[in-house]
Amino acid sequence: MLHHEFQAARQAAVLARAAQRRLVREAEQDAKAVRTTADSTADSTSGANSRKHYFLRSRRA
């Protein structure tokens, strides 16, 4: 019985890591979408604000 409990715990850990990776991936996609929207509105801005956004975008790469 101990072997089955170990397998169940191991499977639970695998599923938890997969769920965590999925949540992180979704959060990164959402953040990218927000940045893309913010960058497209910032592109219409001129002056120092545009330079600031350019600098921030270049640091993300």
PDB file of N, CA and C in Angstrom:
ATOM      1  N   MET A   1       0.829  -1.206   0.000  1.00  0.00           N
ATOM      2  CA  MET A   1       0.000   0.000   0.000  1.00  0.00           C
ATOM      3  C   MET A   1       0.864   1.258   0.000  1.00  0.00           C
ATOM      4  N   LEU A   2       1.983   1.195   0.640  1.00  0.00           N
ATOM      5  CA  LEU A   2       2.875   2.353   0.697  1.00  0.00           C
ATOM      6  C   LEU A   2       3.332   2.750  -0.702  1.00  0.00           C
ATOM      7  N   HIS A   3       3.571   1.755  -1.564  1.00  0.00           N
ATOM      8  CA  HIS A   3       4.007   2.032  -2.922  1.00  0.00           C
ATOM      9  C   HIS A   3       2.941   2.841  -3.675  1.00  0.00           C
ATOM     10  N   HIS A   4       1.686   2.472  -3.509  1.00  0.00           N
ATOM     11  CA  HIS A   4       0.603   3.195  -4.185  1.00  0.00           C
ATOM     12  C   HIS A   4       0.471   4.619  -3.664  1.00  0.00           C
ATOM     13  N   GLU A   5       0.666   4.798  -2.380  1.00  0.00           N
ATOM     14  CA  GLU A   5       0.617   6.143  -1.810  1.00  0.00           C
ATOM     15  C   GLU A   5       1.751   6.998  -2.353  1.00  0.00           C
ATOM     16  N   PHE A   6       2.924   6.381  -2.499  1.00  0.00           N
ATOM     17  CA  PHE A   6       4.064   7.106  -3.054  1.00  0.00           C
ATOM     18  C   PHE A   6       3.785   7.506  -4.498  1.00  0.00           C
ATOM     19  N   GLN A   7       3.234   6.571  -5.280  1.00  0.00           N
ATOM     20  CA  GLN A   7       2.905   6.887  -6.673  1.00  0.00           C
ATOM     21  C   GLN A   7       1.853   7.994  -6.759  1.00  0.00           C
ATOM     22  N   ALA A   8       0.873   7.953  -5.896  1.00  0.00           N
ATOM     23  CA  ALA A   8      -0.175   8.974  -5.899  1.00  0.00           C
ATOM     24  C   ALA A   8       0.405  10.346  -5.541  1.00  0.00           C
ATOM     25  N   ALA A   9       1.290  10.373  -4.560  1.00  0.00           N
ATOM     26  CA  ALA A   9       1.921  11.639  -4.169  1.00  0.00           C
ATOM     27  C   ALA A   9       2.794  12.170  -5.293  1.00  0.00           C
ATOM     28  N   ARG A  10       3.509  11.275  -5.946  1.00  0.00           N
ATOM     29  CA  ARG A  10       4.373  11.680  -7.052  1.00  0.00           C
ATOM     30  C   ARG A  10       3.532  12.232  -8.208  1.00  0.00           C
ATOM     31  N   GLN A  11       2.436  11.555  -8.526  1.00  0.00           N
ATOM     32  CA  GLN A  11       1.543  12.018  -9.591  1.00  0.00           C
ATOM     33  C   GLN A  11       0.944  13.375  -9.240  1.00  0.00           C
ATOM     34  N   ALA A  12       0.577  13.559  -7.978  1.00  0.00           N
ATOM     35  CA  ALA A  12       0.036  14.847  -7.544  1.00  0.00           C
ATOM     36  C   ALA A  12       1.073  15.955  -7.717  1.00  0.00           C
ATOM     37  N   ALA A  13       2.332  15.644  -7.412  1.00  0.00           N
ATOM     38  CA  ALA A  13       3.393  16.633  -7.569  1.00  0.00           C
ATOM     39  C   ALA A  13       3.587  16.986  -9.043  1.00  0.00           C
ATOM     40  N   VAL A  14       3.534  15.976  -9.913  1.00  0.00           N
ATOM     41  CA  VAL A  14       3.672  16.219 -11.353  1.00  0.00           C
ATOM     42  C   VAL A  14       2.537  17.108 -11.843  1.00  0.00           C
ATOM     43  N   LEU A  15       1.318  16.796 -11.433  1.00  0.00           N
ATOM     44  CA  LEU A  15       0.167  17.594 -11.852  1.00  0.00           C
ATOM     45  C   LEU A  15       0.236  19.025 -11.312  1.00  0.00           C
ATOM     46  N   ALA A  16       0.720  19.173 -10.089  1.00  0.00           N
ATOM     47  CA  ALA A  16       0.844  20.510  -9.498  1.00  0.00           C
ATOM     48  C   ALA A  16       1.868  21.343 -10.265  1.00  0.00           C
ATOM     49  N   ARG A  17       2.999  20.725 -10.638  1.00  0.00           N
ATOM     50  CA  ARG A  17       4.004  21.460 -11.418  1.00  0.00           C
ATOM     51  C   ARG A  17       3.461  21.843 -12.793  1.00  0.00           C
ATOM     52  N   ALA A  18       2.715  20.942 -13.410  1.00  0.00           N
ATOM     53  CA  ALA A  18       2.136  21.239 -14.720  1.00  0.00           C
ATOM     54  C   ALA A  18       1.137  22.399 -14.607  1.00  0.00           C
ATOM     55  N   ALA A  19       0.333  22.385 -13.578  1.00  0.00           N
ATOM     56  CA  ALA A  19      -0.629  23.470 -13.370  1.00  0.00           C
ATOM     57  C   ALA A  19       0.092  24.788 -13.122  1.00  0.00           C
ATOM     58  N   GLN A  20       1.166  24.743 -12.356  1.00  0.00           N
ATOM     59  CA  GLN A  20       1.952  25.951 -12.075  1.00  0.00           C
ATOM     60  C   GLN A  20       2.550  26.511 -13.360  1.00  0.00           C
ATOM     61  N   ARG A  21       3.119  25.617 -14.187  1.00  0.00           N
ATOM     62  CA  ARG A  21       3.687  26.072 -15.458  1.00  0.00           C
ATOM     63  C   ARG A  21       2.618  26.684 -16.352  1.00  0.00           C
ATOM     64  N   ARG A  22       1.429  26.085 -16.369  1.00  0.00           N
ATOM     65  CA  ARG A  22       0.339  26.607 -17.181  1.00  0.00           C
ATOM     66  C   ARG A  22      -0.071  28.001 -16.700  1.00  0.00           C
ATOM     67  N   LEU A  23      -0.178  28.163 -15.382  1.00  0.00           N
ATOM     68  CA  LEU A  23      -0.546  29.473 -14.836  1.00  0.00           C
ATOM     69  C   LEU A  23       0.506  30.527 -15.160  1.00  0.00           C
ATOM     70  N   VAL A  24       1.773  30.151 -15.046  1.00  0.00           N
ATOM     71  CA  VAL A  24       2.854  31.093 -15.359  1.00  0.00           C
ATOM     72  C   VAL A  24       2.805  31.465 -16.829  1.00  0.00           C
ATOM     73  N   ARG A  25       2.623  30.466 -17.698  1.00  0.00           N
ATOM     74  CA  ARG A  25       2.559  30.728 -19.134  1.00  0.00           C
ATOM     75  C   ARG A  25       1.388  31.653 -19.477  1.00  0.00           C
ATOM     76  N   GLU A  26       0.227  31.398 -18.884  1.00  0.00           N
ATOM     77  CA  GLU A  26      -0.932  32.257 -19.138  1.00  0.00           C
ATOM     78  C   GLU A  26      -0.697  33.672 -18.632  1.00  0.00           C
ATOM     79  N   ALA A  27      -0.069  33.800 -17.467  1.00  0.00           N
ATOM     80  CA  ALA A  27       0.221  35.131 -16.917  1.00  0.00           C
ATOM     81  C   ALA A  27       1.200  35.875 -17.819  1.00  0.00           C
ATOM     82  N   GLU A  28       2.203  35.159 -18.340  1.00  0.00           N
ATOM     83  CA  GLU A  28       3.159  35.796 -19.241  1.00  0.00           C
ATOM     84  C   GLU A  28       2.477  36.240 -20.535  1.00  0.00           C
ATOM     85  N   GLN A  29       1.566  35.408 -21.054  1.00  0.00           N
ATOM     86  CA  GLN A  29       0.840  35.792 -22.264  1.00  0.00           C
ATOM     87  C   GLN A  29      -0.034  37.012 -22.008  1.00  0.00           C
ATOM     88  N   ASP A  30      -0.694  37.046 -20.856  1.00  0.00           N
ATOM     89  CA  ASP A  30      -1.520  38.205 -20.513  1.00  0.00           C
ATOM     90  C   ASP A  30      -0.671  39.458 -20.373  1.00  0.00           C
ATOM     91  N   ALA A  31       0.481  39.321 -19.720  1.00  0.00           N
ATOM     92  CA  ALA A  31       1.375  40.472 -19.548  1.00  0.00           C
ATOM     93  C   ALA A  31       1.879  40.952 -20.904  1.00  0.00           C
ATOM     94  N   LYS A  32       2.180  40.011 -21.794  1.00  0.00           N
ATOM     95  CA  LYS A  32       2.642  40.397 -23.128  1.00  0.00           C
ATOM     96  C   LYS A  32       1.547  41.142 -23.879  1.00  0.00           C
ATOM     97  N   ALA A  33       0.315  40.680 -23.745  1.00  0.00           N
ATOM     98  CA  ALA A  33      -0.804  41.358 -24.411  1.00  0.00           C
ATOM     99  C   ALA A  33      -0.966  42.775 -23.875  1.00  0.00           C
ATOM    100  N   VAL A  34      -0.838  42.940 -22.570  1.00  0.00           N
ATOM    101  CA  VAL A  34      -0.945  44.275 -21.970  1.00  0.00           C
ATOM    102  C   VAL A  34       0.193  45.159 -22.457  1.00  0.00           C
ATOM    103  N   ARG A  35       1.425  44.606 -22.502  1.00  0.00           N
ATOM    104  CA  ARG A  35       2.567  45.391 -22.991  1.00  0.00           C
ATOM    105  C   ARG A  35       2.371  45.791 -24.442  1.00  0.00           C
ATOM    106  N   THR A  36       1.857  44.867 -25.248  1.00  0.00           N
ATOM    107  CA  THR A  36       1.641  45.161 -26.661  1.00  0.00           C
ATOM    108  C   THR A  36       0.631  46.286 -26.815  1.00  0.00           C
ATOM    109  N   THR A  37      -0.433  46.234 -26.033  1.00  0.00           N
ATOM    110  CA  THR A  37      -1.437  47.301 -26.071  1.00  0.00           C
ATOM    111  C   THR A  37      -0.833  48.615 -25.590  1.00  0.00           C
ATOM    112  N   ALA A  38      -0.070  48.560 -24.505  1.00  0.00           N
ATOM    113  CA  ALA A  38       0.550  49.775 -23.968  1.00  0.00           C
ATOM    114  C   ALA A  38       1.579  50.330 -24.948  1.00  0.00           C
ATOM    115  N   ASP A  39       2.346  49.449 -25.586  1.00  0.00           N
ATOM    116  CA  ASP A  39       3.351  49.897 -26.549  1.00  0.00           C
ATOM    117  C   ASP A  39       2.704  50.530 -27.769  1.00  0.00           C
ATOM    118  N   SER A  40       1.585  49.986 -28.213  1.00  0.00           N
ATOM    119  CA  SER A  40       0.945  50.556 -29.394  1.00  0.00           C
ATOM    120  C   SER A  40       0.375  51.937 -29.085  1.00  0.00           C
ATOM    121  N   THR A  41      -0.106  52.157 -27.863  1.00  0.00           N
ATOM    122  CA  THR A  41      -0.583  53.490 -27.505  1.00  0.00           C
ATOM    123  C   THR A  41       0.598  54.416 -27.247  1.00  0.00           C
ATOM    124  N   ALA A  42       1.705  53.870 -26.762  1.00  0.00           N
ATOM    125  CA  ALA A  42       2.883  54.697 -26.488  1.00  0.00           C
ATOM    126  C   ALA A  42       3.566  55.122 -27.783  1.00  0.00           C
ATOM    127  N   ASP A  43       3.387  54.337 -28.849  1.00  0.00           N
ATOM    128  CA  ASP A  43       4.014  54.695 -30.117  1.00  0.00           C
ATOM    129  C   ASP A  43       3.496  56.024 -30.653  1.00  0.00           C
ATOM    130  N   SER A  44       2.276  56.356 -30.288  1.00  0.00           N
ATOM    131  CA  SER A  44       1.719  57.621 -30.756  1.00  0.00           C
ATOM    132  C   SER A  44       2.217  58.794 -29.915  1.00  0.00           C
ATOM    133  N   THR A  45       2.884  58.506 -28.814  1.00  0.00           N
ATOM    134  CA  THR A  45       3.407  59.550 -27.934  1.00  0.00           C
ATOM    135  C   THR A  45       4.752  60.021 -28.471  1.00  0.00           C
ATOM    136  N   SER A  46       5.079  61.281 -28.240  1.00  0.00           N
ATOM    137  CA  SER A  46       6.357  61.793 -28.723  1.00  0.00           C
ATOM    138  C   SER A  46       7.207  62.282 -27.563  1.00  0.00           C
ATOM    139  N   GLY A  47       8.457  62.611 -27.867  1.00  0.00           N
ATOM    140  CA  GLY A  47       9.346  63.204 -26.875  1.00  0.00           C
ATOM    141  C   GLY A  47       9.950  62.197 -25.925  1.00  0.00           C
ATOM    142  N   ALA A  48      10.193  62.645 -24.691  1.00  0.00           N
ATOM    143  CA  ALA A  48      10.883  61.832 -23.691  1.00  0.00           C
ATOM    144  C   ALA A  48      10.123  60.558 -23.365  1.00  0.00           C
ATOM    145  N   ASN A  49       8.801  60.630 -23.400  1.00  0.00           N
ATOM    146  CA  ASN A  49       8.002  59.449 -23.079  1.00  0.00           C
ATOM    147  C   ASN A  49       8.267  58.328 -24.082  1.00  0.00           C
ATOM    148  N   SER A  50       8.408  58.655 -25.359  1.00  0.00           N
ATOM    149  CA  SER A  50       8.714  57.646 -26.377  1.00  0.00           C
ATOM    150  C   SER A  50      10.076  57.036 -26.120  1.00  0.00           C
ATOM    151  N   ARG A  51      11.040  57.872 -25.769  1.00  0.00           N
ATOM    152  CA  ARG A  51      12.379  57.349 -25.479  1.00  0.00           C
ATOM    153  C   ARG A  51      12.343  56.421 -24.281  1.00  0.00           C
ATOM    154  N   LYS A  52      11.544  56.769 -23.303  1.00  0.00           N
ATOM    155  CA  LYS A  52      11.416  55.922 -22.113  1.00  0.00           C
ATOM    156  C   LYS A  52      10.862  54.553 -22.502  1.00  0.00           C
ATOM    157  N   HIS A  53       9.815  54.524 -23.319  1.00  0.00           N
ATOM    158  CA  HIS A  53       9.237  53.248 -23.736  1.00  0.00           C
ATOM    159  C   HIS A  53      10.212  52.450 -24.594  1.00  0.00           C
ATOM    160  N   TYR A  54      10.950  53.145 -25.462  1.00  0.00           N
ATOM    161  CA  TYR A  54      11.939  52.451 -26.276  1.00  0.00           C
ATOM    162  C   TYR A  54      12.985  51.803 -25.382  1.00  0.00           C
ATOM    163  N   PHE A  55      13.444  52.525 -24.371  1.00  0.00           N
ATOM    164  CA  PHE A  55      14.447  51.995 -23.446  1.00  0.00           C
ATOM    165  C   PHE A  55      13.903  50.794 -22.700  1.00  0.00           C
ATOM    166  N   LEU A  56      12.663  50.881 -22.239  1.00  0.00           N
ATOM    167  CA  LEU A  56      12.080  49.763 -21.495  1.00  0.00           C
ATOM    168  C   LEU A  56      11.899  48.547 -22.399  1.00  0.00           C
ATOM    169  N   ARG A  57      11.469  48.752 -23.636  1.00  0.00           N
ATOM    170  CA  ARG A  57      11.305  47.619 -24.557  1.00  0.00           C
ATOM    171  C   ARG A  57      12.634  46.971 -24.860  1.00  0.00           C
ATOM    172  N   SER A  58      13.689  47.767 -25.026  1.00  0.00           N
ATOM    173  CA  SER A  58      14.996  47.199 -25.361  1.00  0.00           C
ATOM    174  C   SER A  58      15.559  46.393 -24.198  1.00  0.00           C
ATOM    175  N   ARG A  59      15.167  46.715 -22.962  1.00  0.00           N
ATOM    176  CA  ARG A  59      15.675  45.969 -21.798  1.00  0.00           C
ATOM    177  C   ARG A  59      14.980  44.632 -21.648  1.00  0.00           C
ATOM    178  N   ARG A  60      13.766  44.491 -22.171  1.00  0.00           N
ATOM    179  CA  ARG A  60      13.025  43.226 -22.042  1.00  0.00           C
ATOM    180  C   ARG A  60      13.634  42.122 -22.896  1.00  0.00           C
ATOM    181  N   ALA A  61      14.282  42.476 -23.962  1.00  0.00           N
ATOM    182  CA  ALA A  61      14.820  41.485 -24.908  1.00  0.00           C
ATOM    183  C   ALA A  61      15.988  40.730 -24.346  1.00  0.00           C
TER     184      ALA A  61
END
